[in-house]
Amino acid sequence: MGILSWVILGLLAGAVAKILLPGRDPGGLIGTILIGVAGAFVGGWLSAKILDKPVQHHFFDAATWGAAIGGALVLLILYRIFFGDSRDARR
């Protein structure tokens, strides 16, 4: 997969992560999209290095999507922990 494919996959993975973890994020929509793109890269790297399961070079591979969405979820959770809690009662 080329870099453009990873970016598109990251955009979609970020959207899925946002659906799975609803709430207001400190970075808004743009921040969530960037987290999704970074999560796709991080998830693919972690899958290859730690789990010894390299992602396939096919866009429609389930393991590739799982790694990208998992990476996006991890980064979104870390982002919320370090840069703001979207569930606090600020009114």
PDB file of N, CA and C in Angstrom:
ATOM      1  N   MET A   1       0.838  -1.169   0.000  1.00  0.00           N
ATOM      2  CA  MET A   1       0.000   0.000   0.000  1.00  0.00           C
ATOM      3  C   MET A   1       0.887   1.238   0.000  1.00  0.00           C
ATOM      4  N   GLY A   2       0.473   2.219  -0.742  1.00  0.00           N
ATOM      5  CA  GLY A   2       1.208   3.467  -0.797  1.00  0.00           C
ATOM      6  C   GLY A   2       0.808   4.407   0.329  1.00  0.00           C
ATOM      7  N   ILE A   3       1.490   5.504   0.412  1.00  0.00           N
ATOM      8  CA  ILE A   3       1.240   6.478   1.473  1.00  0.00           C
ATOM      9  C   ILE A   3      -0.173   7.052   1.380  1.00  0.00           C
ATOM     10  N   LEU A   4      -0.670   7.262   0.169  1.00  0.00           N
ATOM     11  CA  LEU A   4      -2.021   7.786   0.003  1.00  0.00           C
ATOM     12  C   LEU A   4      -3.060   6.791   0.514  1.00  0.00           C
ATOM     13  N   SER A   5      -2.835   5.524   0.292  1.00  0.00           N
ATOM     14  CA  SER A   5      -3.748   4.495   0.800  1.00  0.00           C
ATOM     15  C   SER A   5      -3.773   4.501   2.324  1.00  0.00           C
ATOM     16  N   TRP A   6      -2.596   4.670   2.949  1.00  0.00           N
ATOM     17  CA  TRP A   6      -2.541   4.714   4.405  1.00  0.00           C
ATOM     18  C   TRP A   6      -3.250   5.946   4.941  1.00  0.00           C
ATOM     19  N   VAL A   7      -3.139   7.055   4.250  1.00  0.00           N
ATOM     20  CA  VAL A   7      -3.827   8.273   4.683  1.00  0.00           C
ATOM     21  C   VAL A   7      -5.339   8.090   4.598  1.00  0.00           C
ATOM     22  N   ILE A   8      -5.808   7.528   3.502  1.00  0.00           N
ATOM     23  CA  ILE A   8      -7.254   7.279   3.350  1.00  0.00           C
ATOM     24  C   ILE A   8      -7.728   6.280   4.402  1.00  0.00           C
ATOM     25  N   LEU A   9      -6.954   5.221   4.598  1.00  0.00           N
ATOM     26  CA  LEU A   9      -7.289   4.237   5.628  1.00  0.00           C
ATOM     27  C   LEU A   9      -7.314   4.897   7.001  1.00  0.00           C
ATOM     28  N   GLY A  10      -6.367   5.789   7.261  1.00  0.00           N
ATOM     29  CA  GLY A  10      -6.330   6.494   8.538  1.00  0.00           C
ATOM     30  C   GLY A  10      -7.521   7.402   8.741  1.00  0.00           C
ATOM     31  N   LEU A  11      -7.946   8.079   7.679  1.00  0.00           N
ATOM     32  CA  LEU A  11      -9.133   8.929   7.778  1.00  0.00           C
ATOM     33  C   LEU A  11     -10.357   8.102   8.155  1.00  0.00           C
ATOM     34  N   LEU A  12     -10.500   6.975   7.509  1.00  0.00           N
ATOM     35  CA  LEU A  12     -11.643   6.104   7.802  1.00  0.00           C
ATOM     36  C   LEU A  12     -11.510   5.468   9.184  1.00  0.00           C
ATOM     37  N   ALA A  13     -10.299   5.075   9.560  1.00  0.00           N
ATOM     38  CA  ALA A  13     -10.076   4.488  10.888  1.00  0.00           C
ATOM     39  C   ALA A  13     -10.356   5.520  11.973  1.00  0.00           C
ATOM     40  N   GLY A  14      -9.974   6.770  11.740  1.00  0.00           N
ATOM     41  CA  GLY A  14     -10.270   7.839  12.696  1.00  0.00           C
ATOM     42  C   GLY A  14     -11.760   8.050  12.854  1.00  0.00           C
ATOM     43  N   ALA A  15     -12.493   7.967  11.755  1.00  0.00           N
ATOM     44  CA  ALA A  15     -13.950   8.108  11.824  1.00  0.00           C
ATOM     45  C   ALA A  15     -14.573   6.961  12.613  1.00  0.00           C
ATOM     46  N   VAL A  16     -14.093   5.741  12.392  1.00  0.00           N
ATOM     47  CA  VAL A  16     -14.609   4.592  13.140  1.00  0.00           C
ATOM     48  C   VAL A  16     -14.264   4.722  14.620  1.00  0.00           C
ATOM     49  N   ALA A  17     -13.040   5.154  14.924  1.00  0.00           N
ATOM     50  CA  ALA A  17     -12.639   5.337  16.320  1.00  0.00           C
ATOM     51  C   ALA A  17     -13.504   6.394  16.990  1.00  0.00           C
ATOM     52  N   LYS A  18     -13.824   7.443  16.265  1.00  0.00           N
ATOM     53  CA  LYS A  18     -14.674   8.503  16.806  1.00  0.00           C
ATOM     54  C   LYS A  18     -16.090   7.985  17.076  1.00  0.00           C
ATOM     55  N   ILE A  19     -16.580   7.119  16.212  1.00  0.00           N
ATOM     56  CA  ILE A  19     -17.901   6.519  16.419  1.00  0.00           C
ATOM     57  C   ILE A  19     -17.884   5.609  17.644  1.00  0.00           C
ATOM     58  N   LEU A  20     -16.789   4.846  17.818  1.00  0.00           N
ATOM     59  CA  LEU A  20     -16.689   3.932  18.945  1.00  0.00           C
ATOM     60  C   LEU A  20     -16.448   4.652  20.274  1.00  0.00           C
ATOM     61  N   LEU A  21     -15.823   5.832  20.216  1.00  0.00           N
ATOM     62  CA  LEU A  21     -15.554   6.636  21.410  1.00  0.00           C
ATOM     63  C   LEU A  21     -16.173   8.018  21.243  1.00  0.00           C
ATOM     64  N   PRO A  22     -17.472   8.125  21.374  1.00  0.00           N
ATOM     65  CA  PRO A  22     -18.106   9.425  21.174  1.00  0.00           C
ATOM     66  C   PRO A  22     -17.745  10.397  22.284  1.00  0.00           C
ATOM     67  N   GLY A  23     -17.936  11.639  22.018  1.00  0.00           N
ATOM     68  CA  GLY A  23     -17.655  12.682  22.995  1.00  0.00           C
ATOM     69  C   GLY A  23     -16.868  13.797  22.338  1.00  0.00           C
ATOM     70  N   ARG A  24     -16.729  14.885  23.080  1.00  0.00           N
ATOM     71  CA  ARG A  24     -15.990  16.027  22.551  1.00  0.00           C
ATOM     72  C   ARG A  24     -14.511  15.811  22.782  1.00  0.00           C
ATOM     73  N   ASP A  25     -13.732  15.993  21.750  1.00  0.00           N
ATOM     74  CA  ASP A  25     -12.289  15.881  21.850  1.00  0.00           C
ATOM     75  C   ASP A  25     -11.690  17.276  21.867  1.00  0.00           C
ATOM     76  N   PRO A  26     -10.570  17.455  22.577  1.00  0.00           N
ATOM     77  CA  PRO A  26      -9.952  18.772  22.639  1.00  0.00           C
ATOM     78  C   PRO A  26      -9.545  19.316  21.271  1.00  0.00           C
ATOM     79  N   GLY A  27      -9.220  18.465  20.324  1.00  0.00           N
ATOM     80  CA  GLY A  27      -8.763  18.930  19.020  1.00  0.00           C
ATOM     81  C   GLY A  27      -9.854  19.068  17.985  1.00  0.00           C
ATOM     82  N   GLY A  28     -11.067  18.643  18.285  1.00  0.00           N
ATOM     83  CA  GLY A  28     -12.159  18.727  17.330  1.00  0.00           C
ATOM     84  C   GLY A  28     -12.012  17.734  16.187  1.00  0.00           C
ATOM     85  N   LEU A  29     -12.661  18.037  15.084  1.00  0.00           N
ATOM     86  CA  LEU A  29     -12.685  17.133  13.940  1.00  0.00           C
ATOM     87  C   LEU A  29     -11.308  16.965  13.305  1.00  0.00           C
ATOM     88  N   ILE A  30     -10.588  18.062  13.125  1.00  0.00           N
ATOM     89  CA  ILE A  30      -9.265  17.990  12.502  1.00  0.00           C
ATOM     90  C   ILE A  30      -8.316  17.159  13.354  1.00  0.00           C
ATOM     91  N   GLY A  31      -8.346  17.363  14.663  1.00  0.00           N
ATOM     92  CA  GLY A  31      -7.498  16.583  15.567  1.00  0.00           C
ATOM     93  C   GLY A  31      -7.816  15.102  15.502  1.00  0.00           C
ATOM     94  N   THR A  32      -9.094  14.779  15.438  1.00  0.00           N
ATOM     95  CA  THR A  32      -9.501  13.378  15.348  1.00  0.00           C
ATOM     96  C   THR A  32      -9.044  12.756  14.040  1.00  0.00           C
ATOM     97  N   ILE A  33      -9.130  13.492  12.950  1.00  0.00           N
ATOM     98  CA  ILE A  33      -8.674  12.981  11.656  1.00  0.00           C
ATOM     99  C   ILE A  33      -7.170  12.712  11.695  1.00  0.00           C
ATOM    100  N   LEU A  34      -6.416  13.655  12.239  1.00  0.00           N
ATOM    101  CA  LEU A  34      -4.967  13.461  12.324  1.00  0.00           C
ATOM    102  C   LEU A  34      -4.606  12.292  13.229  1.00  0.00           C
ATOM    103  N   ILE A  35      -5.359  12.118  14.300  1.00  0.00           N
ATOM    104  CA  ILE A  35      -5.137  10.969  15.174  1.00  0.00           C
ATOM    105  C   ILE A  35      -5.441   9.667  14.434  1.00  0.00           C
ATOM    106  N   GLY A  36      -6.470   9.666  13.599  1.00  0.00           N
ATOM    107  CA  GLY A  36      -6.789   8.476  12.812  1.00  0.00           C
ATOM    108  C   GLY A  36      -5.686   8.124  11.836  1.00  0.00           C
ATOM    109  N   VAL A  37      -5.132   9.119  11.168  1.00  0.00           N
ATOM    110  CA  VAL A  37      -4.038   8.874  10.220  1.00  0.00           C
ATOM    111  C   VAL A  37      -2.815   8.357  10.970  1.00  0.00           C
ATOM    112  N   ALA A  38      -2.463   9.014  12.078  1.00  0.00           N
ATOM    113  CA  ALA A  38      -1.321   8.552  12.866  1.00  0.00           C
ATOM    114  C   ALA A  38      -1.583   7.162  13.440  1.00  0.00           C
ATOM    115  N   GLY A  39      -2.812   6.910  13.845  1.00  0.00           N
ATOM    116  CA  GLY A  39      -3.177   5.599  14.388  1.00  0.00           C
ATOM    117  C   GLY A  39      -3.038   4.487  13.373  1.00  0.00           C
ATOM    118  N   ALA A  40      -3.333   4.775  12.124  1.00  0.00           N
ATOM    119  CA  ALA A  40      -3.159   3.767  11.078  1.00  0.00           C
ATOM    120  C   ALA A  40      -1.691   3.385  10.943  1.00  0.00           C
ATOM    121  N   PHE A  41      -0.833   4.385  10.975  1.00  0.00           N
ATOM    122  CA  PHE A  41       0.599   4.100  10.892  1.00  0.00           C
ATOM    123  C   PHE A  41       1.105   3.368  12.131  1.00  0.00           C
ATOM    124  N   VAL A  42       0.699   3.851  13.312  1.00  0.00           N
ATOM    125  CA  VAL A  42       1.139   3.235  14.561  1.00  0.00           C
ATOM    126  C   VAL A  42       0.596   1.811  14.681  1.00  0.00           C
ATOM    127  N   GLY A  43      -0.663   1.614  14.349  1.00  0.00           N
ATOM    128  CA  GLY A  43      -1.251   0.271  14.416  1.00  0.00           C
ATOM    129  C   GLY A  43      -0.559  -0.702  13.473  1.00  0.00           C
ATOM    130  N   GLY A  44      -0.240  -0.258  12.266  1.00  0.00           N
ATOM    131  CA  GLY A  44       0.484  -1.110  11.329  1.00  0.00           C
ATOM    132  C   GLY A  44       1.877  -1.431  11.815  1.00  0.00           C
ATOM    133  N   TRP A  45       2.547  -0.448  12.383  1.00  0.00           N
ATOM    134  CA  TRP A  45       3.904  -0.656  12.891  1.00  0.00           C
ATOM    135  C   TRP A  45       3.889  -1.606  14.083  1.00  0.00           C
ATOM    136  N   LEU A  46       2.948  -1.381  15.033  1.00  0.00           N
ATOM    137  CA  LEU A  46       2.859  -2.260  16.199  1.00  0.00           C
ATOM    138  C   LEU A  46       2.504  -3.685  15.808  1.00  0.00           C
ATOM    139  N   SER A  47       1.630  -3.816  14.847  1.00  0.00           N
ATOM    140  CA  SER A  47       1.251  -5.146  14.375  1.00  0.00           C
ATOM    141  C   SER A  47       2.452  -5.881  13.806  1.00  0.00           C
ATOM    142  N   ALA A  48       3.277  -5.182  13.072  1.00  0.00           N
ATOM    143  CA  ALA A  48       4.442  -5.810  12.455  1.00  0.00           C
ATOM    144  C   ALA A  48       5.550  -6.083  13.465  1.00  0.00           C
ATOM    145  N   LYS A  49       5.808  -5.155  14.364  1.00  0.00           N
ATOM    146  CA  LYS A  49       6.948  -5.266  15.273  1.00  0.00           C
ATOM    147  C   LYS A  49       6.655  -6.073  16.528  1.00  0.00           C
ATOM    148  N   ILE A  50       5.543  -5.808  17.165  1.00  0.00           N
ATOM    149  CA  ILE A  50       5.267  -6.440  18.451  1.00  0.00           C
ATOM    150  C   ILE A  50       4.511  -7.756  18.292  1.00  0.00           C
ATOM    151  N   LEU A  51       3.492  -7.753  17.464  1.00  0.00           N
ATOM    152  CA  LEU A  51       2.674  -8.960  17.290  1.00  0.00           C
ATOM    153  C   LEU A  51       3.236  -9.911  16.250  1.00  0.00           C
ATOM    154  N   ASP A  52       4.287  -9.497  15.563  1.00  0.00           N
ATOM    155  CA  ASP A  52       4.914 -10.282  14.499  1.00  0.00           C
ATOM    156  C   ASP A  52       3.890 -10.686  13.434  1.00  0.00           C
ATOM    157  N   LYS A  53       2.964  -9.792  13.163  1.00  0.00           N
ATOM    158  CA  LYS A  53       1.926 -10.000  12.151  1.00  0.00           C
ATOM    159  C   LYS A  53       1.937  -8.791  11.225  1.00  0.00           C
ATOM    160  N   PRO A  54       2.809  -8.808  10.213  1.00  0.00           N
ATOM    161  CA  PRO A  54       2.846  -7.638   9.322  1.00  0.00           C
ATOM    162  C   PRO A  54       1.526  -7.471   8.577  1.00  0.00           C
ATOM    163  N   VAL A  55       1.152  -6.223   8.394  1.00  0.00           N
ATOM    164  CA  VAL A  55      -0.079  -5.954   7.663  1.00  0.00           C
ATOM    165  C   VAL A  55       0.132  -6.268   6.195  1.00  0.00           C
ATOM    166  N   GLN A  56      -0.926  -6.644   5.563  1.00  0.00           N
ATOM    167  CA  GLN A  56      -0.863  -6.984   4.151  1.00  0.00           C
ATOM    168  C   GLN A  56      -0.786  -5.725   3.305  1.00  0.00           C
ATOM    169  N   HIS A  57      -0.451  -5.902   2.079  1.00  0.00           N
ATOM    170  CA  HIS A  57      -0.355  -4.777   1.159  1.00  0.00           C
ATOM    171  C   HIS A  57      -1.657  -4.579   0.387  1.00  0.00           C
ATOM    172  N   HIS A  58      -2.747  -5.074   0.934  1.00  0.00           N
ATOM    173  CA  HIS A  58      -4.054  -4.939   0.311  1.00  0.00           C
ATOM    174  C   HIS A  58      -4.915  -4.012   1.157  1.00  0.00           C
ATOM    175  N   PHE A  59      -5.596  -3.107   0.502  1.00  0.00           N
ATOM    176  CA  PHE A  59      -6.409  -2.118   1.204  1.00  0.00           C
ATOM    177  C   PHE A  59      -7.582  -2.761   1.932  1.00  0.00           C
ATOM    178  N   PHE A  60      -8.129  -3.825   1.402  1.00  0.00           N
ATOM    179  CA  PHE A  60      -9.333  -4.429   1.972  1.00  0.00           C
ATOM    180  C   PHE A  60      -9.035  -5.625   2.864  1.00  0.00           C
ATOM    181  N   ASP A  61      -7.830  -5.709   3.412  1.00  0.00           N
ATOM    182  CA  ASP A  61      -7.457  -6.797   4.315  1.00  0.00           C
ATOM    183  C   ASP A  61      -7.979  -6.496   5.724  1.00  0.00           C
ATOM    184  N   ALA A  62      -8.637  -7.466   6.338  1.00  0.00           N
ATOM    185  CA  ALA A  62      -9.241  -7.256   7.661  1.00  0.00           C
ATOM    186  C   ALA A  62      -8.194  -6.956   8.725  1.00  0.00           C
ATOM    187  N   ALA A  63      -7.031  -7.612   8.674  1.00  0.00           N
ATOM    188  CA  ALA A  63      -5.979  -7.356   9.665  1.00  0.00           C
ATOM    189  C   ALA A  63      -5.444  -5.933   9.542  1.00  0.00           C
ATOM    190  N   THR A  64      -5.338  -5.437   8.335  1.00  0.00           N
ATOM    191  CA  THR A  64      -4.885  -4.062   8.129  1.00  0.00           C
ATOM    192  C   THR A  64      -5.873  -3.078   8.736  1.00  0.00           C
ATOM    193  N   TRP A  65      -7.157  -3.304   8.501  1.00  0.00           N
ATOM    194  CA  TRP A  65      -8.195  -2.437   9.060  1.00  0.00           C
ATOM    195  C   TRP A  65      -8.213  -2.535  10.575  1.00  0.00           C
ATOM    196  N   GLY A  66      -8.075  -3.741  11.107  1.00  0.00           N
ATOM    197  CA  GLY A  66      -8.056  -3.921  12.554  1.00  0.00           C
ATOM    198  C   GLY A  66      -6.894  -3.188  13.206  1.00  0.00           C
ATOM    199  N   ALA A  67      -5.727  -3.286  12.588  1.00  0.00           N
ATOM    200  CA  ALA A  67      -4.550  -2.601  13.117  1.00  0.00           C
ATOM    201  C   ALA A  67      -4.733  -1.088  13.059  1.00  0.00           C
ATOM    202  N   ALA A  68      -5.283  -0.589  11.972  1.00  0.00           N
ATOM    203  CA  ALA A  68      -5.479   0.859  11.822  1.00  0.00           C
ATOM    204  C   ALA A  68      -6.508   1.383  12.821  1.00  0.00           C
ATOM    205  N   ILE A  69      -7.621   0.697  12.958  1.00  0.00           N
ATOM    206  CA  ILE A  69      -8.654   1.129  13.905  1.00  0.00           C
ATOM    207  C   ILE A  69      -8.161   0.993  15.336  1.00  0.00           C
ATOM    208  N   GLY A  70      -7.473  -0.096  15.632  1.00  0.00           N
ATOM    209  CA  GLY A  70      -6.905  -0.273  16.971  1.00  0.00           C
ATOM    210  C   GLY A  70      -5.901   0.814  17.312  1.00  0.00           C
ATOM    211  N   GLY A  71      -5.034   1.137  16.371  1.00  0.00           N
ATOM    212  CA  GLY A  71      -4.073   2.213  16.594  1.00  0.00           C
ATOM    213  C   GLY A  71      -4.757   3.555  16.795  1.00  0.00           C
ATOM    214  N   ALA A  72      -5.796   3.824  16.010  1.00  0.00           N
ATOM    215  CA  ALA A  72      -6.540   5.072  16.154  1.00  0.00           C
ATOM    216  C   ALA A  72      -7.241   5.139  17.513  1.00  0.00           C
ATOM    217  N   LEU A  73      -7.801   4.032  17.970  1.00  0.00           N
ATOM    218  CA  LEU A  73      -8.450   4.000  19.278  1.00  0.00           C
ATOM    219  C   LEU A  73      -7.447   4.269  20.396  1.00  0.00           C
ATOM    220  N   VAL A  74      -6.287   3.627  20.315  1.00  0.00           N
ATOM    221  CA  VAL A  74      -5.261   3.816  21.340  1.00  0.00           C
ATOM    222  C   VAL A  74      -4.816   5.276  21.379  1.00  0.00           C
ATOM    223  N   LEU A  75      -4.536   5.852  20.218  1.00  0.00           N
ATOM    224  CA  LEU A  75      -4.095   7.246  20.187  1.00  0.00           C
ATOM    225  C   LEU A  75      -5.197   8.203  20.634  1.00  0.00           C
ATOM    226  N   LEU A  76      -6.445   7.917  20.295  1.00  0.00           N
ATOM    227  CA  LEU A  76      -7.548   8.774  20.723  1.00  0.00           C
ATOM    228  C   LEU A  76      -7.718   8.724  22.236  1.00  0.00           C
ATOM    229  N   ILE A  77      -7.603   7.549  22.811  1.00  0.00           N
ATOM    230  CA  ILE A  77      -7.693   7.411  24.266  1.00  0.00           C
ATOM    231  C   ILE A  77      -6.535   8.152  24.941  1.00  0.00           C
ATOM    232  N   LEU A  78      -5.316   7.967  24.438  1.00  0.00           N
ATOM    233  CA  LEU A  78      -4.161   8.671  25.008  1.00  0.00           C
ATOM    234  C   LEU A  78      -4.298  10.179  24.858  1.00  0.00           C
ATOM    235  N   TYR A  79      -4.816  10.613  23.732  1.00  0.00           N
ATOM    236  CA  TYR A  79      -5.022  12.036  23.496  1.00  0.00           C
ATOM    237  C   TYR A  79      -5.991  12.618  24.510  1.00  0.00           C
ATOM    238  N   ARG A  80      -7.070  11.886  24.772  1.00  0.00           N
ATOM    239  CA  ARG A  80      -8.050  12.359  25.749  1.00  0.00           C
ATOM    240  C   ARG A  80      -7.481  12.368  27.162  1.00  0.00           C
ATOM    241  N   ILE A  81      -6.642  11.385  27.478  1.00  0.00           N
ATOM    242  CA  ILE A  81      -6.051  11.327  28.810  1.00  0.00           C
ATOM    243  C   ILE A  81      -5.101  12.499  29.029  1.00  0.00           C
ATOM    244  N   PHE A  82      -4.259  12.779  28.052  1.00  0.00           N
ATOM    245  CA  PHE A  82      -3.224  13.785  28.240  1.00  0.00           C
ATOM    246  C   PHE A  82      -3.655  15.220  27.924  1.00  0.00           C
ATOM    247  N   PHE A  83      -4.637  15.394  27.050  1.00  0.00           N
ATOM    248  CA  PHE A  83      -4.978  16.741  26.607  1.00  0.00           C
ATOM    249  C   PHE A  83      -6.392  17.176  26.936  1.00  0.00           C
ATOM    250  N   GLY A  84      -7.078  16.450  27.763  1.00  0.00           N
ATOM    251  CA  GLY A  84      -8.403  16.898  28.170  1.00  0.00           C
ATOM    252  C   GLY A  84      -9.375  15.759  28.279  1.00  0.00           C
ATOM    253  N   ASP A  85     -10.216  15.873  29.261  1.00  0.00           N
ATOM    254  CA  ASP A  85     -11.250  14.867  29.491  1.00  0.00           C
ATOM    255  C   ASP A  85     -12.551  15.375  28.914  1.00  0.00           C
ATOM    256  N   SER A  86     -13.089  14.667  27.950  1.00  0.00           N
ATOM    257  CA  SER A  86     -14.317  15.113  27.286  1.00  0.00           C
ATOM    258  C   SER A  86     -15.562  14.815  28.105  1.00  0.00           C
ATOM    259  N   ARG A  87     -15.416  14.102  29.185  1.00  0.00           N
ATOM    260  CA  ARG A  87     -16.594  13.711  29.959  1.00  0.00           C
ATOM    261  C   ARG A  87     -16.697  14.448  31.302  1.00  0.00           C
ATOM    262  N   ASP A  88     -15.883  15.462  31.520  1.00  0.00           N
ATOM    263  CA  ASP A  88     -16.009  16.180  32.786  1.00  0.00           C
ATOM    264  C   ASP A  88     -17.190  17.143  32.731  1.00  0.00           C
ATOM    265  N   ALA A  89     -17.558  17.657  33.877  1.00  0.00           N
ATOM    266  CA  ALA A  89     -18.783  18.448  33.989  1.00  0.00           C
ATOM    267  C   ALA A  89     -18.480  19.950  33.958  1.00  0.00           C
ATOM    268  N   ARG A  90     -17.740  20.419  32.988  1.00  0.00           N
ATOM    269  CA  ARG A  90     -17.485  21.848  32.851  1.00  0.00           C
ATOM    270  C   ARG A  90     -18.707  22.512  32.224  1.00  0.00           C
ATOM    271  N   ARG A  91     -19.343  23.405  32.952  1.00  0.00           N
ATOM    272  CA  ARG A  91     -20.520  24.074  32.421  1.00  0.00           C
ATOM    273  C   ARG A  91     -20.496  25.496  32.779  1.00  0.00           C
TER     274      ARG A  91
END
